[in-house]
Amino acid sequence: MSYIAFQYAEALFAIANEEKQVESVLESFNSFVKAQDVEISKFLNHPKVTKKAKKEVLGNAITNSLFKNFIFVLIDNSRIDYLSDCLDEYQIIVDAQNKIMNVFVYSGKKLTKTETQELVKNLSKKHNRKVKLENIVDKTILGGLRIEFEGNILDETINNYLATLRNNLTK
């Protein structure tokens, strides 16, 4: 991510929060970025397409006026290529505001519903936040879990244990 994207996202969040439109802006933002394909991206980033033409086309397609004005600011400042990064940063700010912690759990096989619920319950209790958990299956993991959240890594996998053991034995 970039600091530029963070600044734009933070400004958008401040205005959306003031106007009580945080969730509707997030929904519009997600929809727009998901709908963007290669052709739309080429159009938005093409140097020969005028800013006025870009705004005219997008003005008709975007219904949320706050989000539309945000897009116009990005176009005016030639920062439209930061759009996806702005969405990522905006999502981080919204999650922080709502006390949501995004957790990625890597395991050798898909966690059962019970295991997932137990993990969410324990993490939520420990960190006093809501937890959004995504289980990522990594076939190279022999057993155990690697949990990543907010730059922290808790690696309780057999792979990590064996690597640590190997390092200690070769010293």
Protein backbone atom coordinates (compact mmCIF):
# COMPACT_ATOMS: atom_id res chain seq x y z
CA MET A 1 0.00 0.00 0.00
CA SER A 2 1.05 3.55 -0.40
CA TYR A 3 0.83 6.57 1.79
CA ILE A 4 -0.94 8.45 -1.01
CA ALA A 5 -3.73 5.86 -1.10
CA PHE A 6 -3.99 6.02 2.68
CA GLN A 7 -4.37 9.81 2.62
CA TYR A 8 -7.19 9.65 0.05
CA ALA A 9 -8.91 6.81 1.92
CA GLU A 10 -8.61 8.64 5.21
CA ALA A 11 -10.11 11.81 3.72
CA LEU A 12 -12.96 9.83 2.16
CA PHE A 13 -13.61 8.07 5.47
CA ALA A 14 -13.68 11.36 7.40
CA ILE A 15 -16.31 12.81 5.07
CA ALA A 16 -18.31 9.57 4.86
CA ASN A 17 -18.28 9.27 8.65
CA GLU A 18 -19.44 12.86 9.02
CA GLU A 19 -22.28 12.24 6.54
CA LYS A 20 -23.04 8.80 8.06
CA GLN A 21 -22.38 7.07 4.75
CA VAL A 22 -19.39 4.89 5.68
CA GLU A 23 -21.07 1.59 4.77
CA SER A 24 -22.82 2.84 1.62
CA VAL A 25 -19.54 4.32 0.34
CA LEU A 26 -17.77 1.03 1.10
CA GLU A 27 -20.46 -0.86 -0.80
CA SER A 28 -20.22 1.50 -3.79
CA PHE A 29 -16.43 1.33 -3.68
CA ASN A 30 -16.39 -2.48 -3.63
CA SER A 31 -18.95 -2.72 -6.42
CA PHE A 32 -17.06 -0.28 -8.61
CA VAL A 33 -13.67 -1.96 -8.17
CA LYS A 34 -15.16 -5.44 -8.75
CA ALA A 35 -16.93 -4.24 -11.90
CA GLN A 36 -13.77 -2.67 -13.27
CA ASP A 37 -12.28 -4.78 -16.04
CA VAL A 38 -9.27 -4.31 -18.30
CA GLU A 39 -11.18 -2.08 -20.74
CA ILE A 40 -12.45 0.26 -18.02
CA SER A 41 -8.99 0.42 -16.50
CA LYS A 42 -7.45 1.28 -19.89
CA PHE A 43 -10.09 3.98 -20.39
CA LEU A 44 -9.48 5.52 -16.95
CA ASN A 45 -5.71 5.49 -17.32
CA HIS A 46 -5.48 6.49 -20.97
CA PRO A 47 -3.63 9.80 -21.31
CA LYS A 48 -5.54 10.90 -24.42
CA VAL A 49 -8.97 10.59 -22.77
CA THR A 50 -9.76 13.92 -21.17
CA LYS A 51 -10.58 14.20 -17.47
CA LYS A 52 -13.91 15.70 -18.46
CA ALA A 53 -14.78 12.65 -20.59
CA LYS A 54 -13.78 10.26 -17.81
CA LYS A 55 -15.93 12.14 -15.30
CA GLU A 56 -18.85 12.27 -17.71
CA VAL A 57 -18.84 8.49 -18.25
CA LEU A 58 -18.36 7.67 -14.57
CA GLY A 59 -20.82 10.33 -13.45
CA ASN A 60 -23.60 8.43 -15.17
CA ALA A 61 -22.50 5.06 -13.79
CA ILE A 62 -21.98 5.88 -10.08
CA THR A 63 -25.03 6.58 -7.96
CA ASN A 64 -23.47 7.41 -4.58
CA SER A 65 -22.67 11.12 -4.83
CA LEU A 66 -19.96 11.05 -2.17
CA PHE A 67 -18.14 8.19 -3.86
CA LYS A 68 -18.66 9.84 -7.26
CA ASN A 69 -17.00 13.03 -5.99
CA PHE A 70 -14.14 10.95 -4.58
CA ILE A 71 -13.58 9.36 -8.01
CA PHE A 72 -13.67 12.82 -9.58
CA VAL A 73 -10.96 14.03 -7.17
CA LEU A 74 -8.79 11.04 -8.09
CA ILE A 75 -9.29 11.84 -11.79
CA ASP A 76 -8.58 15.55 -11.30
CA ASN A 77 -5.35 14.76 -9.45
CA SER A 78 -4.30 12.02 -11.90
CA ARG A 79 -4.44 9.42 -9.11
CA ILE A 80 -7.05 7.04 -10.53
CA ASP A 81 -4.40 4.31 -10.70
CA TYR A 82 -4.47 4.30 -6.87
CA LEU A 83 -8.13 3.25 -6.82
CA SER A 84 -7.62 -0.37 -5.66
CA ASP A 85 -5.09 0.71 -3.04
CA CYS A 86 -7.53 3.35 -1.80
CA LEU A 87 -10.20 0.66 -1.42
CA ASP A 88 -7.82 -1.54 0.58
CA GLU A 89 -6.90 1.37 2.85
CA TYR A 90 -10.53 2.44 3.24
CA GLN A 91 -11.47 -1.12 4.23
CA ILE A 92 -8.68 -1.15 6.85
CA ILE A 93 -9.93 2.14 8.30
CA VAL A 94 -13.55 0.92 8.39
CA ASP A 95 -12.50 -2.35 10.04
CA ALA A 96 -10.48 -0.47 12.66
CA GLN A 97 -13.44 1.81 13.34
CA ASN A 98 -15.75 -1.20 13.74
CA LYS A 99 -13.18 -3.11 15.83
CA ILE A 100 -12.89 -5.88 13.28
CA MET A 101 -9.73 -7.95 13.08
CA ASN A 102 -9.00 -9.76 9.81
CA VAL A 103 -7.30 -13.07 10.51
CA PHE A 104 -5.77 -15.45 7.97
CA VAL A 105 -5.37 -19.04 9.16
CA TYR A 106 -3.16 -21.33 7.10
CA SER A 107 -3.67 -25.06 7.57
CA GLY A 108 -2.91 -28.29 5.75
CA LYS A 109 -6.61 -29.03 5.34
CA LYS A 110 -9.79 -27.00 5.54
CA LEU A 111 -10.83 -26.29 9.12
CA THR A 112 -14.17 -27.70 10.22
CA LYS A 113 -16.98 -25.35 11.12
CA THR A 114 -16.50 -26.20 14.80
CA GLU A 115 -12.74 -25.53 14.65
CA THR A 116 -13.37 -22.22 12.87
CA GLN A 117 -16.01 -21.13 15.39
CA GLU A 118 -13.76 -22.06 18.33
CA LEU A 119 -10.83 -20.16 16.84
CA VAL A 120 -13.00 -17.09 16.16
CA LYS A 121 -14.39 -17.23 19.71
CA ASN A 122 -10.93 -17.49 21.30
CA LEU A 123 -9.37 -14.75 19.17
CA SER A 124 -12.35 -12.46 19.68
CA LYS A 125 -12.20 -12.94 23.43
CA LYS A 126 -8.41 -12.48 23.60
CA HIS A 127 -8.31 -9.32 21.46
CA ASN A 128 -11.73 -7.91 22.42
CA ARG A 129 -12.70 -7.43 18.77
CA LYS A 130 -14.89 -8.99 16.14
CA VAL A 131 -12.96 -11.48 14.04
CA LYS A 132 -13.23 -12.08 10.30
CA LEU A 133 -11.45 -15.34 9.70
CA GLU A 134 -10.28 -16.67 6.36
CA ASN A 135 -8.98 -20.24 6.24
CA ILE A 136 -6.34 -20.75 3.56
CA VAL A 137 -5.43 -24.33 2.75
CA ASP A 138 -1.70 -24.83 2.22
CA LYS A 139 -0.95 -28.44 1.30
CA THR A 140 2.71 -28.02 2.34
CA ILE A 141 1.68 -27.68 6.01
CA LEU A 142 2.05 -31.09 7.66
CA GLY A 143 -0.05 -30.16 10.70
CA GLY A 144 -0.91 -27.30 12.99
CA LEU A 145 -1.84 -23.74 12.11
CA ARG A 146 -0.17 -20.50 11.08
CA ILE A 147 -2.24 -17.50 12.12
CA GLU A 148 -1.58 -14.06 10.62
CA PHE A 149 -3.24 -10.81 11.68
CA GLU A 150 -2.22 -7.16 11.67
CA GLY A 151 1.39 -7.94 10.84
CA ASN A 152 1.67 -10.63 13.54
CA ILE A 153 2.43 -14.26 12.75
CA LEU A 154 1.79 -17.10 15.16
CA ASP A 155 3.31 -20.18 13.56
CA GLU A 156 2.35 -23.35 15.40
CA THR A 157 2.86 -25.66 12.43
CA ILE A 158 4.80 -28.90 12.45
CA ASN A 159 6.84 -27.43 9.59
CA ASN A 160 7.99 -24.56 11.81
CA TYR A 161 8.72 -26.92 14.71
CA LEU A 162 10.83 -29.17 12.46
CA ALA A 163 12.70 -26.20 10.98
CA THR A 164 13.46 -24.86 14.48
CA LEU A 165 14.59 -28.31 15.61
CA ARG A 166 16.82 -28.64 12.52
CA ASN A 167 18.41 -25.23 13.18
CA ASN A 168 19.06 -26.07 16.84
CA LEU A 169 20.62 -29.43 15.98
CA THR A 170 22.94 -28.00 13.31
CA LYS A 171 24.39 -25.30 15.57
